[in-house]
Amino acid sequence: MPIPTFLIVGAAKAGTTSLYHYLKQHPDVFMPKLKEPHYFAQFADELCKKQFYFLREWNEYLALFEGAGTAKAIGESSVSYLCHSGTAQRIRDRLPDVKIIICLRNPVERVFSHFLMDIRDGKLPCAAELLPTVLADDDIPEKMWGSCNLFLECGRYARQVAEYFEVFGRDSVRVILYEDFKTNPIETLHDLYAFLGINTDFTPQIGKVFNTYAKPRSALLAPIYSSYQIRRLGKLIFPDQWKQRILGLFLKREPKPEMTEVEMTTLYELYQADVEALEDLLGFDLSAWRH
């Protein structure tokens, strides 16, 4: 039975959806329709009960890849794998030869995007304020998907990346920056093709933009859209060409709001030490990630 040869492990709100869709266009790549099975992640029990598409059984997980055929690179993308300590080792215990792809984004921009997504998804009220929300969330002692939103935790990359390096070795881990991916997507993808050992001459179609900003049309509709079961059922039932029309019933497109100077300064100060540690770990110039 086919097993994954690569995993996109995060970070959340760092371009993994686009990467998933672009990679799966390659004729040598197989990725299942379910983008995020989250099999190796740890979740609060209540969240597992709500989100029935988080796979818990090994045979169910392997069944995702039954259609891989002769694909040379078989993978999946679950952003929950990066931020939780211990996940890398759980992956290696099952998939010792798997290759790891990590996408990282300016952590301040990432946390703001995460905050706006949770408003869109009805997890936060439209009137929520950025700093009080993310700081209160960070005070929750149990840092686990489902027990809190992990707004700040998901952007503390240094410890997360170091753990994957330690468990898998640097040669089996490829770190890409969201900013580079956005600016030079084809070059980034060709580099990933070489990392995965597949044909580097293929060029995907990259015109489509995923997860653009939107907000709930009303407070009454937000709880419906925020239901995990309803959203997952809709993805399974409705054809792709209907999805944007259906989303338009719940969401409206507006210009994306911007952070205030105080919000940006506060968040950049919170992340300064972690960015410096990550810079040392990767040997990357991350000066653009400092305010």
C-alpha atoms as a PDB file:
ATOM      1  CA  MET A   1       0.000   0.000   0.000  1.00  0.00           C
ATOM      2  CA  PRO A   2       1.395   3.468  -0.889  1.00  0.00           C
ATOM      3  CA  ILE A   3       2.608   5.632   1.969  1.00  0.00           C
ATOM      4  CA  PRO A   4       3.541   9.339   2.009  1.00  0.00           C
ATOM      5  CA  THR A   5       7.018  10.264   0.851  1.00  0.00           C
ATOM      6  CA  PHE A   6       6.645  13.933   1.821  1.00  0.00           C
ATOM      7  CA  LEU A   7       4.612  16.075   4.209  1.00  0.00           C
ATOM      8  CA  ILE A   8       3.899  19.800   4.232  1.00  0.00           C
ATOM      9  CA  VAL A   9       3.782  20.442   7.976  1.00  0.00           C
ATOM     10  CA  GLY A  10       2.989  24.177   8.157  1.00  0.00           C
ATOM     11  CA  ALA A  11       2.965  26.866   9.164  1.00  0.00           C
ATOM     12  CA  ALA A  12      -0.700  27.833   9.196  1.00  0.00           C
ATOM     13  CA  LYS A  13      -1.464  30.918   7.072  1.00  0.00           C
ATOM     14  CA  ALA A  14       1.905  30.701   5.319  1.00  0.00           C
ATOM     15  CA  GLY A  15       0.950  29.640   1.796  1.00  0.00           C
ATOM     16  CA  THR A  16       0.394  25.922   2.351  1.00  0.00           C
ATOM     17  CA  THR A  17      -2.962  25.894   0.522  1.00  0.00           C
ATOM     18  CA  SER A  18      -1.416  27.362  -2.619  1.00  0.00           C
ATOM     19  CA  LEU A  19       1.541  25.007  -2.316  1.00  0.00           C
ATOM     20  CA  TYR A  20      -0.805  22.012  -1.997  1.00  0.00           C
ATOM     21  CA  HIS A  21      -2.755  22.962  -5.129  1.00  0.00           C
ATOM     22  CA  TYR A  22       0.346  23.783  -7.188  1.00  0.00           C
ATOM     23  CA  LEU A  23       2.256  20.652  -6.203  1.00  0.00           C
ATOM     24  CA  LYS A  24      -0.629  18.305  -6.934  1.00  0.00           C
ATOM     25  CA  GLN A  25      -0.692  19.521 -10.556  1.00  0.00           C
ATOM     26  CA  HIS A  26       2.649  17.781 -11.168  1.00  0.00           C
ATOM     27  CA  PRO A  27       2.153  14.438 -12.966  1.00  0.00           C
ATOM     28  CA  ASP A  28       4.647  12.739 -10.633  1.00  0.00           C
ATOM     29  CA  VAL A  29       2.843  13.926  -7.471  1.00  0.00           C
ATOM     30  CA  PHE A  30      -0.161  12.467  -5.675  1.00  0.00           C
ATOM     31  CA  MET A  31      -1.914  14.361  -2.891  1.00  0.00           C
ATOM     32  CA  PRO A  32      -5.364  13.314  -1.612  1.00  0.00           C
ATOM     33  CA  LYS A  33      -8.467  15.453  -1.966  1.00  0.00           C
ATOM     34  CA  LEU A  34      -8.535  15.858   1.814  1.00  0.00           C
ATOM     35  CA  LYS A  35      -5.842  18.497   2.241  1.00  0.00           C
ATOM     36  CA  GLU A  36      -5.442  18.237   6.010  1.00  0.00           C
ATOM     37  CA  PRO A  37      -6.002  14.810   7.582  1.00  0.00           C
ATOM     38  CA  HIS A  38      -4.074  15.888  10.718  1.00  0.00           C
ATOM     39  CA  TYR A  39      -3.353  12.245  11.552  1.00  0.00           C
ATOM     40  CA  PHE A  40      -0.101  12.863  13.447  1.00  0.00           C
ATOM     41  CA  ALA A  41      -1.240  15.942  15.386  1.00  0.00           C
ATOM     42  CA  GLN A  42      -2.568  16.203  18.927  1.00  0.00           C
ATOM     43  CA  PHE A  43      -5.941  17.814  19.536  1.00  0.00           C
ATOM     44  CA  ALA A  44      -8.150  18.624  22.470  1.00  0.00           C
ATOM     45  CA  ASP A  45     -10.763  15.850  22.742  1.00  0.00           C
ATOM     46  CA  GLU A  46     -13.708  18.162  22.122  1.00  0.00           C
ATOM     47  CA  LEU A  47     -12.262  19.322  18.811  1.00  0.00           C
ATOM     48  CA  CYS A  48     -11.780  15.736  17.637  1.00  0.00           C
ATOM     49  CA  LYS A  49     -15.455  15.096  18.323  1.00  0.00           C
ATOM     50  CA  LYS A  50     -16.476  18.123  16.234  1.00  0.00           C
ATOM     51  CA  GLN A  51     -14.101  17.647  13.315  1.00  0.00           C
ATOM     52  CA  PHE A  52     -14.906  14.197  11.991  1.00  0.00           C
ATOM     53  CA  TYR A  53     -12.422  14.577   9.138  1.00  0.00           C
ATOM     54  CA  PHE A  54      -9.419  14.485  11.483  1.00  0.00           C
ATOM     55  CA  LEU A  55      -8.278  10.938  10.909  1.00  0.00           C
ATOM     56  CA  ARG A  56      -7.251   8.918  13.954  1.00  0.00           C
ATOM     57  CA  GLU A  57      -6.854   5.369  12.566  1.00  0.00           C
ATOM     58  CA  TRP A  58      -3.737   4.319  10.623  1.00  0.00           C
ATOM     59  CA  ASN A  59      -5.702   2.264   8.087  1.00  0.00           C
ATOM     60  CA  GLU A  60      -7.986   5.241   7.398  1.00  0.00           C
ATOM     61  CA  TYR A  61      -4.957   7.451   6.901  1.00  0.00           C
ATOM     62  CA  LEU A  62      -3.307   5.031   4.471  1.00  0.00           C
ATOM     63  CA  ALA A  63      -6.564   4.741   2.542  1.00  0.00           C
ATOM     64  CA  LEU A  64      -6.114   8.391   1.494  1.00  0.00           C
ATOM     65  CA  PHE A  65      -3.209   7.327  -0.719  1.00  0.00           C
ATOM     66  CA  GLU A  66      -4.720   4.279  -2.405  1.00  0.00           C
ATOM     67  CA  GLY A  67      -5.098   6.195  -5.658  1.00  0.00           C
ATOM     68  CA  ALA A  68      -1.415   7.147  -5.854  1.00  0.00           C
ATOM     69  CA  GLY A  69      -0.731   4.686  -8.667  1.00  0.00           C
ATOM     70  CA  THR A  70       2.791   5.180 -10.027  1.00  0.00           C
ATOM     71  CA  ALA A  71       3.321   8.613  -8.479  1.00  0.00           C
ATOM     72  CA  LYS A  72       6.922   9.172  -7.415  1.00  0.00           C
ATOM     73  CA  ALA A  73       6.045  11.702  -4.720  1.00  0.00           C
ATOM     74  CA  ILE A  74       3.093  11.031  -2.416  1.00  0.00           C
ATOM     75  CA  GLY A  75       2.182  13.595   0.195  1.00  0.00           C
ATOM     76  CA  GLU A  76      -0.286  15.517   2.295  1.00  0.00           C
ATOM     77  CA  SER A  77      -0.440  18.918   3.962  1.00  0.00           C
ATOM     78  CA  SER A  78      -1.489  19.356   7.618  1.00  0.00           C
ATOM     79  CA  VAL A  79      -0.498  22.661   9.211  1.00  0.00           C
ATOM     80  CA  SER A  80      -1.074  21.284  12.719  1.00  0.00           C
ATOM     81  CA  TYR A  81       2.101  19.197  12.475  1.00  0.00           C
ATOM     82  CA  LEU A  82       4.553  22.078  12.942  1.00  0.00           C
ATOM     83  CA  CYS A  83       3.659  23.809  16.182  1.00  0.00           C
ATOM     84  CA  HIS A  84       3.162  20.844  18.544  1.00  0.00           C
ATOM     85  CA  SER A  85       6.224  19.385  20.223  1.00  0.00           C
ATOM     86  CA  GLY A  86       6.475  15.632  19.709  1.00  0.00           C
ATOM     87  CA  THR A  87       4.724  15.539  16.342  1.00  0.00           C
ATOM     88  CA  ALA A  88       7.972  15.202  14.392  1.00  0.00           C
ATOM     89  CA  GLN A  89       8.891  12.050  16.300  1.00  0.00           C
ATOM     90  CA  ARG A  90       5.399  10.572  15.829  1.00  0.00           C
ATOM     91  CA  ILE A  91       5.788  11.113  12.094  1.00  0.00           C
ATOM     92  CA  ARG A  92       9.227   9.522  12.015  1.00  0.00           C
ATOM     93  CA  ASP A  93       8.018   6.492  13.971  1.00  0.00           C
ATOM     94  CA  ARG A  94       5.548   5.727  11.155  1.00  0.00           C
ATOM     95  CA  LEU A  95       7.312   7.301   8.158  1.00  0.00           C
ATOM     96  CA  PRO A  96      11.078   7.193   8.815  1.00  0.00           C
ATOM     97  CA  ASP A  97      12.081   8.122   5.257  1.00  0.00           C
ATOM     98  CA  VAL A  98       9.557  10.908   4.652  1.00  0.00           C
ATOM     99  CA  LYS A  99      10.719  14.344   3.487  1.00  0.00           C
ATOM    100  CA  ILE A 100       9.470  17.447   5.285  1.00  0.00           C
ATOM    101  CA  ILE A 101       8.469  20.783   3.731  1.00  0.00           C
ATOM    102  CA  ILE A 102       8.057  23.789   6.039  1.00  0.00           C
ATOM    103  CA  CYS A 103       6.641  27.127   4.850  1.00  0.00           C
ATOM    104  CA  LEU A 104       7.341  30.120   7.097  1.00  0.00           C
ATOM    105  CA  ARG A 105       5.885  33.626   6.935  1.00  0.00           C
ATOM    106  CA  ASN A 106       6.699  36.861   8.729  1.00  0.00           C
ATOM    107  CA  PRO A 107       5.176  35.909  12.096  1.00  0.00           C
ATOM    108  CA  VAL A 108       3.487  39.277  12.595  1.00  0.00           C
ATOM    109  CA  GLU A 109       1.780  39.078   9.205  1.00  0.00           C
ATOM    110  CA  ARG A 110       0.945  35.443   9.925  1.00  0.00           C
ATOM    111  CA  VAL A 111      -0.767  36.130  13.251  1.00  0.00           C
ATOM    112  CA  PHE A 112      -2.830  38.948  11.696  1.00  0.00           C
ATOM    113  CA  SER A 113      -3.912  36.683   8.835  1.00  0.00           C
ATOM    114  CA  HIS A 114      -4.802  33.971  11.382  1.00  0.00           C
ATOM    115  CA  PHE A 115      -6.852  36.490  13.380  1.00  0.00           C
ATOM    116  CA  LEU A 116      -8.767  37.624  10.269  1.00  0.00           C
ATOM    117  CA  MET A 117      -9.383  34.011   9.251  1.00  0.00           C
ATOM    118  CA  ASP A 118     -10.947  33.234  12.621  1.00  0.00           C
ATOM    119  CA  ILE A 119     -13.270  36.216  12.249  1.00  0.00           C
ATOM    120  CA  ARG A 120     -14.208  34.990   8.768  1.00  0.00           C
ATOM    121  CA  ASP A 121     -14.845  31.492  10.072  1.00  0.00           C
ATOM    122  CA  GLY A 122     -17.077  32.708  12.877  1.00  0.00           C
ATOM    123  CA  LYS A 123     -14.662  31.684  15.650  1.00  0.00           C
ATOM    124  CA  LEU A 124     -14.322  35.318  16.724  1.00  0.00           C
ATOM    125  CA  PRO A 125     -16.874  38.172  16.676  1.00  0.00           C
ATOM    126  CA  CYS A 126     -16.460  40.719  13.883  1.00  0.00           C
ATOM    127  CA  ALA A 127     -15.752  43.377  16.519  1.00  0.00           C
ATOM    128  CA  ALA A 128     -12.821  41.446  18.058  1.00  0.00           C
ATOM    129  CA  GLU A 129      -9.649  43.469  18.664  1.00  0.00           C
ATOM    130  CA  LEU A 130      -6.294  42.030  17.639  1.00  0.00           C
ATOM    131  CA  LEU A 131      -4.012  42.571  20.636  1.00  0.00           C
ATOM    132  CA  PRO A 132      -6.445  41.734  23.462  1.00  0.00           C
ATOM    133  CA  THR A 133      -7.521  38.613  21.555  1.00  0.00           C
ATOM    134  CA  VAL A 134      -4.098  37.166  20.792  1.00  0.00           C
ATOM    135  CA  LEU A 135      -2.612  38.036  24.193  1.00  0.00           C
ATOM    136  CA  ALA A 136      -5.527  36.455  26.063  1.00  0.00           C
ATOM    137  CA  ASP A 137      -5.212  33.367  23.881  1.00  0.00           C
ATOM    138  CA  ASP A 138      -1.505  33.115  24.694  1.00  0.00           C
ATOM    139  CA  ASP A 139      -2.280  33.093  28.413  1.00  0.00           C
ATOM    140  CA  ILE A 140      -4.166  29.793  28.072  1.00  0.00           C
ATOM    141  CA  PRO A 141      -1.771  27.250  29.627  1.00  0.00           C
ATOM    142  CA  GLU A 142      -2.685  24.235  27.472  1.00  0.00           C
ATOM    143  CA  LYS A 143      -1.188  24.992  24.058  1.00  0.00           C
ATOM    144  CA  MET A 144      -3.076  22.488  21.908  1.00  0.00           C
ATOM    145  CA  TRP A 145      -5.190  22.685  18.761  1.00  0.00           C
ATOM    146  CA  GLY A 146      -8.760  22.981  20.038  1.00  0.00           C
ATOM    147  CA  SER A 147      -7.955  24.244  23.522  1.00  0.00           C
ATOM    148  CA  CYS A 148      -6.861  27.654  22.207  1.00  0.00           C
ATOM    149  CA  ASN A 149      -6.315  29.412  18.879  1.00  0.00           C
ATOM    150  CA  LEU A 150      -2.502  29.313  19.047  1.00  0.00           C
ATOM    151  CA  PHE A 151      -2.294  32.788  17.477  1.00  0.00           C
ATOM    152  CA  LEU A 152       1.195  33.572  18.765  1.00  0.00           C
ATOM    153  CA  GLU A 153       2.372  29.997  19.275  1.00  0.00           C
ATOM    154  CA  CYS A 154       2.052  29.092  15.584  1.00  0.00           C
ATOM    155  CA  GLY A 155       4.588  31.805  14.747  1.00  0.00           C
ATOM    156  CA  ARG A 156       7.270  30.781  17.253  1.00  0.00           C
ATOM    157  CA  TYR A 157       9.205  28.971  14.572  1.00  0.00           C
ATOM    158  CA  ALA A 158      12.698  28.516  16.007  1.00  0.00           C
ATOM    159  CA  ARG A 159      11.851  25.682  18.389  1.00  0.00           C
ATOM    160  CA  GLN A 160       9.509  24.087  15.853  1.00  0.00           C
ATOM    161  CA  VAL A 161      12.009  23.999  12.983  1.00  0.00           C
ATOM    162  CA  ALA A 162      14.855  22.912  15.278  1.00  0.00           C
ATOM    163  CA  GLU A 163      12.798  19.904  16.379  1.00  0.00           C
ATOM    164  CA  TYR A 164      12.286  18.747  12.776  1.00  0.00           C
ATOM    165  CA  PHE A 165      15.990  19.228  12.049  1.00  0.00           C
ATOM    166  CA  GLU A 166      16.868  17.142  15.098  1.00  0.00           C
ATOM    167  CA  VAL A 167      14.413  14.330  14.330  1.00  0.00           C
ATOM    168  CA  PHE A 168      14.858  14.057  10.551  1.00  0.00           C
ATOM    169  CA  GLY A 169      18.190  15.748   9.829  1.00  0.00           C
ATOM    170  CA  ARG A 170      18.573  18.914   7.799  1.00  0.00           C
ATOM    171  CA  ASP A 171      18.916  17.083   4.478  1.00  0.00           C
ATOM    172  CA  SER A 172      15.375  15.711   4.808  1.00  0.00           C
ATOM    173  CA  VAL A 173      13.801  19.063   5.672  1.00  0.00           C
ATOM    174  CA  ARG A 174      13.256  21.919   3.221  1.00  0.00           C
ATOM    175  CA  VAL A 175      12.338  25.329   4.639  1.00  0.00           C
ATOM    176  CA  ILE A 176      10.843  27.901   2.287  1.00  0.00           C
ATOM    177  CA  LEU A 177       9.743  31.452   3.027  1.00  0.00           C
ATOM    178  CA  TYR A 178       6.242  32.585   2.128  1.00  0.00           C
ATOM    179  CA  GLU A 179       7.644  35.869   0.843  1.00  0.00           C
ATOM    180  CA  ASP A 180       9.969  34.049  -1.598  1.00  0.00           C
ATOM    181  CA  PHE A 181       7.175  31.712  -2.661  1.00  0.00           C
ATOM    182  CA  LYS A 182       4.860  34.645  -3.337  1.00  0.00           C
ATOM    183  CA  THR A 183       7.493  36.582  -5.290  1.00  0.00           C
ATOM    184  CA  ASN A 184       9.035  33.655  -7.223  1.00  0.00           C
ATOM    185  CA  PRO A 185       6.550  30.769  -7.140  1.00  0.00           C
ATOM    186  CA  ILE A 186       7.923  28.885 -10.150  1.00  0.00           C
ATOM    187  CA  GLU A 187      11.506  29.020  -8.901  1.00  0.00           C
ATOM    188  CA  THR A 188      10.371  27.859  -5.460  1.00  0.00           C
ATOM    189  CA  LEU A 189       8.372  24.986  -6.929  1.00  0.00           C
ATOM    190  CA  HIS A 190      11.233  23.843  -9.155  1.00  0.00           C
ATOM    191  CA  ASP A 191      13.486  23.770  -6.099  1.00  0.00           C
ATOM    192  CA  LEU A 192      10.889  21.622  -4.312  1.00  0.00           C
ATOM    193  CA  TYR A 193      10.635  19.307  -7.343  1.00  0.00           C
ATOM    194  CA  ALA A 194      14.391  18.690  -7.066  1.00  0.00           C
ATOM    195  CA  PHE A 195      14.053  18.105  -3.311  1.00  0.00           C
ATOM    196  CA  LEU A 196      11.308  15.534  -3.954  1.00  0.00           C
ATOM    197  CA  GLY A 197      13.259  13.848  -6.747  1.00  0.00           C
ATOM    198  CA  ILE A 198      10.740  14.502  -9.531  1.00  0.00           C
ATOM    199  CA  ASN A 199      10.883  16.103 -12.973  1.00  0.00           C
ATOM    200  CA  THR A 200      11.992  19.729 -12.587  1.00  0.00           C
ATOM    201  CA  ASP A 201      10.883  20.764 -16.107  1.00  0.00           C
ATOM    202  CA  PHE A 202       7.169  20.824 -15.271  1.00  0.00           C
ATOM    203  CA  THR A 203       5.554  24.260 -14.821  1.00  0.00           C
ATOM    204  CA  PRO A 204       2.156  24.421 -13.071  1.00  0.00           C
ATOM    205  CA  GLN A 205      -0.656  26.904 -13.571  1.00  0.00           C
ATOM    206  CA  ILE A 206      -0.335  29.407 -10.724  1.00  0.00           C
ATOM    207  CA  GLY A 207      -2.856  32.132 -11.529  1.00  0.00           C
ATOM    208  CA  LYS A 208      -5.481  31.213  -8.935  1.00  0.00           C
ATOM    209  CA  VAL A 209      -5.349  32.948  -5.554  1.00  0.00           C
ATOM    210  CA  PHE A 210      -6.475  30.953  -2.514  1.00  0.00           C
ATOM    211  CA  ASN A 211      -7.941  32.080   0.825  1.00  0.00           C
ATOM    212  CA  THR A 212      -8.441  35.744  -0.078  1.00  0.00           C
ATOM    213  CA  TYR A 213      -9.766  38.027   2.640  1.00  0.00           C
ATOM    214  CA  ALA A 214     -13.497  37.986   3.369  1.00  0.00           C
ATOM    215  CA  LYS A 215     -15.738  38.557   6.377  1.00  0.00           C
ATOM    216  CA  PRO A 216     -19.138  37.153   7.430  1.00  0.00           C
ATOM    217  CA  ARG A 217     -22.164  38.773   5.808  1.00  0.00           C
ATOM    218  CA  SER A 218     -23.939  38.829   9.143  1.00  0.00           C
ATOM    219  CA  ALA A 219     -23.640  37.688  12.734  1.00  0.00           C
ATOM    220  CA  LEU A 220     -26.590  35.361  12.112  1.00  0.00           C
ATOM    221  CA  LEU A 221     -24.849  33.496   9.275  1.00  0.00           C
ATOM    222  CA  ALA A 222     -21.441  33.262  10.969  1.00  0.00           C
ATOM    223  CA  PRO A 223     -22.353  30.310  13.256  1.00  0.00           C
ATOM    224  CA  ILE A 224     -23.574  28.313  10.249  1.00  0.00           C
ATOM    225  CA  TYR A 225     -20.409  28.900   8.260  1.00  0.00           C
ATOM    226  CA  SER A 226     -18.253  28.208  11.326  1.00  0.00           C
ATOM    227  CA  SER A 227     -19.690  24.690  11.720  1.00  0.00           C
ATOM    228  CA  TYR A 228     -16.927  22.239  10.859  1.00  0.00           C
ATOM    229  CA  GLN A 229     -19.423  19.569   9.924  1.00  0.00           C
ATOM    230  CA  ILE A 230     -21.374  21.802   7.549  1.00  0.00           C
ATOM    231  CA  ARG A 231     -18.263  23.134   5.831  1.00  0.00           C
ATOM    232  CA  ARG A 232     -16.721  19.697   5.440  1.00  0.00           C
ATOM    233  CA  LEU A 233     -19.973  18.226   4.158  1.00  0.00           C
ATOM    234  CA  GLY A 234     -20.261  21.050   1.641  1.00  0.00           C
ATOM    235  CA  LYS A 235     -16.747  20.361   0.347  1.00  0.00           C
ATOM    236  CA  LEU A 236     -17.606  16.708  -0.183  1.00  0.00           C
ATOM    237  CA  ILE A 237     -21.038  17.234  -1.766  1.00  0.00           C
ATOM    238  CA  PHE A 238     -20.797  20.303  -4.001  1.00  0.00           C
ATOM    239  CA  PRO A 239     -18.659  20.432  -7.156  1.00  0.00           C
ATOM    240  CA  ASP A 240     -15.768  22.887  -7.234  1.00  0.00           C
ATOM    241  CA  GLN A 241     -17.526  25.258  -9.644  1.00  0.00           C
ATOM    242  CA  TRP A 242     -20.314  25.824  -7.114  1.00  0.00           C
ATOM    243  CA  LYS A 243     -18.112  26.582  -4.127  1.00  0.00           C
ATOM    244  CA  GLN A 244     -17.544  30.286  -4.752  1.00  0.00           C
ATOM    245  CA  ARG A 245     -21.259  30.887  -5.231  1.00  0.00           C
ATOM    246  CA  ILE A 246     -22.061  29.085  -2.001  1.00  0.00           C
ATOM    247  CA  LEU A 247     -19.343  30.953  -0.129  1.00  0.00           C
ATOM    248  CA  GLY A 248     -20.849  34.191  -1.417  1.00  0.00           C
ATOM    249  CA  LEU A 249     -24.010  33.431   0.548  1.00  0.00           C
ATOM    250  CA  PHE A 250     -22.025  33.546   3.797  1.00  0.00           C
ATOM    251  CA  LEU A 251     -19.057  35.831   3.097  1.00  0.00           C
ATOM    252  CA  LYS A 252     -18.515  39.233   1.521  1.00  0.00           C
ATOM    253  CA  ARG A 253     -15.338  40.554  -0.064  1.00  0.00           C
ATOM    254  CA  GLU A 254     -13.981  43.798   1.328  1.00  0.00           C
ATOM    255  CA  PRO A 255     -10.603  45.542   1.351  1.00  0.00           C
ATOM    256  CA  LYS A 256      -8.359  43.804   3.843  1.00  0.00           C
ATOM    257  CA  PRO A 257      -7.935  45.835   7.048  1.00  0.00           C
ATOM    258  CA  GLU A 258      -4.496  46.862   8.255  1.00  0.00           C
ATOM    259  CA  MET A 259      -2.813  46.654  11.615  1.00  0.00           C
ATOM    260  CA  THR A 260      -2.247  49.820  13.584  1.00  0.00           C
ATOM    261  CA  GLU A 261       1.271  51.015  14.354  1.00  0.00           C
ATOM    262  CA  VAL A 262       0.811  50.040  18.013  1.00  0.00           C
ATOM    263  CA  GLU A 263      -0.338  46.537  17.068  1.00  0.00           C
ATOM    264  CA  MET A 264       2.594  46.004  14.721  1.00  0.00           C
ATOM    265  CA  THR A 265       5.166  47.351  17.177  1.00  0.00           C
ATOM    266  CA  THR A 266       3.852  45.192  20.008  1.00  0.00           C
ATOM    267  CA  LEU A 267       3.841  42.015  17.916  1.00  0.00           C
ATOM    268  CA  TYR A 268       7.284  42.629  16.420  1.00  0.00           C
ATOM    269  CA  GLU A 269       8.674  43.070  19.936  1.00  0.00           C
ATOM    270  CA  LEU A 270       7.043  39.816  21.045  1.00  0.00           C
ATOM    271  CA  TYR A 271       8.643  37.901  18.188  1.00  0.00           C
ATOM    272  CA  GLN A 272      12.061  39.581  18.120  1.00  0.00           C
ATOM    273  CA  ALA A 273      13.974  36.955  20.100  1.00  0.00           C
ATOM    274  CA  ASP A 274      12.417  34.073  18.188  1.00  0.00           C
ATOM    275  CA  VAL A 275      13.198  35.656  14.801  1.00  0.00           C
ATOM    276  CA  GLU A 276      16.828  36.129  15.856  1.00  0.00           C
ATOM    277  CA  ALA A 277      17.044  32.493  16.975  1.00  0.00           C
ATOM    278  CA  LEU A 278      15.489  31.325  13.702  1.00  0.00           C
ATOM    279  CA  GLU A 279      17.927  33.461  11.713  1.00  0.00           C
ATOM    280  CA  ASP A 280      20.842  31.762  13.462  1.00  0.00           C
ATOM    281  CA  LEU A 281      19.289  28.315  12.951  1.00  0.00           C
ATOM    282  CA  LEU A 282      18.607  28.713   9.229  1.00  0.00           C
ATOM    283  CA  GLY A 283      21.349  31.109   8.198  1.00  0.00           C
ATOM    284  CA  PHE A 284      18.686  33.205   6.438  1.00  0.00           C
ATOM    285  CA  ASP A 285      18.551  36.995   6.349  1.00  0.00           C
ATOM    286  CA  LEU A 286      15.264  37.723   8.125  1.00  0.00           C
ATOM    287  CA  SER A 287      15.764  41.462   8.563  1.00  0.00           C
ATOM    288  CA  ALA A 288      12.452  42.043   6.744  1.00  0.00           C
ATOM    289  CA  TRP A 289      10.741  40.299   9.653  1.00  0.00           C
ATOM    290  CA  ARG A 290      11.897  42.995  12.063  1.00  0.00           C
ATOM    291  CA  HIS A 291       9.823  46.180  12.282  1.00  0.00           C
END
